[in-house]
Amino acid sequence: MSENKNNLLYFQNPSMQGLYNEMQEWQRANNRRLLSTSIQKDGDNYCCIALSNPTEVVIVSQDGQRFAEVHLDPVSGVVGGLRTYNFSP
């Protein structure tokens, strides 16, 4: 699996409208959404550091040897069960 798993992004544009358009286009082109953004004026540009939703999230034990299967209740969103398994890299 050679997919890039980085989710930190940087955008800049001289106008706020241009920055918005760039961010919208990135979301459309990558079929991913931005989870968190921080926009600041930097000189003549508006700059944004953003986090996107990762394409893969793996929950592992502290030693990295086991991974977990998490079950959420579809109505409440509360974790209904958690099982761990041995992991062989």
Protein backbone atom coordinates (compact mmCIF):
# COMPACT_ATOMS: atom_id res chain seq x y z
CA MET A 1 0.00 0.00 0.00
CA SER A 2 1.82 3.10 -1.22
CA GLU A 3 -0.99 5.56 -0.47
CA ASN A 4 0.10 8.79 1.20
CA LYS A 5 -1.32 8.88 4.73
CA ASN A 6 -0.29 12.45 5.57
CA ASN A 7 -3.19 14.68 6.53
CA LEU A 8 -1.49 18.05 7.10
CA LEU A 9 -2.09 20.56 4.32
CA TYR A 10 -1.02 24.14 3.52
CA PHE A 11 -2.84 26.63 1.30
CA GLN A 12 -2.09 30.28 0.54
CA ASN A 13 -3.65 32.94 -1.64
CA PRO A 14 -3.59 36.75 -1.80
CA SER A 15 -7.39 36.91 -1.24
CA MET A 16 -9.69 35.17 1.21
CA GLN A 17 -12.04 34.28 -1.68
CA GLY A 18 -9.11 32.75 -3.59
CA LEU A 19 -8.08 30.75 -0.52
CA TYR A 20 -11.63 29.49 -0.11
CA ASN A 21 -11.78 28.48 -3.80
CA GLU A 22 -8.45 26.59 -3.54
CA MET A 23 -9.60 24.72 -0.44
CA GLN A 24 -12.96 23.87 -2.05
CA GLU A 25 -11.22 22.64 -5.20
CA TRP A 26 -8.80 20.49 -3.16
CA GLN A 27 -11.74 18.85 -1.35
CA ARG A 28 -13.56 18.23 -4.61
CA ALA A 29 -10.47 16.87 -6.41
CA ASN A 30 -9.42 14.58 -3.54
CA ASN A 31 -12.90 13.57 -2.36
CA ARG A 32 -11.82 14.31 1.22
CA ARG A 33 -12.95 16.92 3.69
CA LEU A 34 -11.00 19.27 5.90
CA LEU A 35 -11.52 18.53 9.60
CA SER A 36 -9.72 21.50 11.11
CA THR A 37 -8.36 24.74 9.68
CA SER A 38 -6.37 27.70 10.95
CA ILE A 39 -6.29 30.78 8.71
CA GLN A 40 -3.94 33.71 9.32
CA LYS A 41 -2.80 36.72 7.33
CA ASP A 42 0.91 36.41 6.47
CA GLY A 43 2.26 39.45 4.67
CA ASP A 44 0.21 39.86 1.51
CA ASN A 45 -1.29 36.36 1.66
CA TYR A 46 -3.98 34.51 3.56
CA CYS A 47 -2.49 31.22 4.72
CA CYS A 48 -4.21 28.10 5.97
CA ILE A 49 -2.87 25.05 7.74
CA ALA A 50 -5.49 22.33 7.62
CA LEU A 51 -6.00 18.75 8.73
CA SER A 52 -7.88 16.43 6.41
CA ASN A 53 -9.64 13.23 7.29
CA PRO A 54 -7.07 10.41 7.15
CA THR A 55 -7.74 7.62 4.69
CA GLU A 56 -6.81 4.99 7.26
CA VAL A 57 -6.84 4.93 11.03
CA VAL A 58 -5.46 1.92 12.89
CA ILE A 59 -5.91 1.66 16.65
CA VAL A 60 -3.10 -0.34 18.23
CA SER A 61 -1.95 -1.16 21.73
CA GLN A 62 0.87 0.89 23.24
CA ASP A 63 3.45 -1.73 22.22
CA GLY A 64 2.08 -1.81 18.65
CA GLN A 65 1.62 -5.58 18.78
CA ARG A 66 -2.18 -5.70 18.92
CA PHE A 67 -4.88 -3.87 17.08
CA ALA A 68 -8.42 -3.20 18.16
CA GLU A 69 -11.80 -3.64 16.57
CA VAL A 70 -14.18 -0.94 17.77
CA HIS A 71 -17.95 -1.30 17.54
CA LEU A 72 -20.09 1.82 17.80
CA ASP A 73 -23.79 1.83 18.54
CA PRO A 74 -25.27 3.33 15.33
CA VAL A 75 -27.87 5.35 17.23
CA SER A 76 -25.94 6.75 20.19
CA GLY A 77 -22.42 6.65 18.73
CA VAL A 78 -21.20 5.12 22.00
CA VAL A 79 -18.56 2.40 21.90
CA GLY A 80 -20.45 -0.85 22.34
CA GLY A 81 -17.54 -3.26 22.31
CA LEU A 82 -13.80 -3.46 21.93
CA ARG A 83 -11.78 -6.56 21.08
CA THR A 84 -8.02 -6.77 20.64
CA TYR A 85 -6.09 -9.14 18.40
CA ASN A 86 -2.44 -10.07 18.06
CA PHE A 87 -0.81 -8.26 15.19
CA SER A 88 1.88 -9.77 12.98
CA PRO A 89 3.55 -7.12 10.78
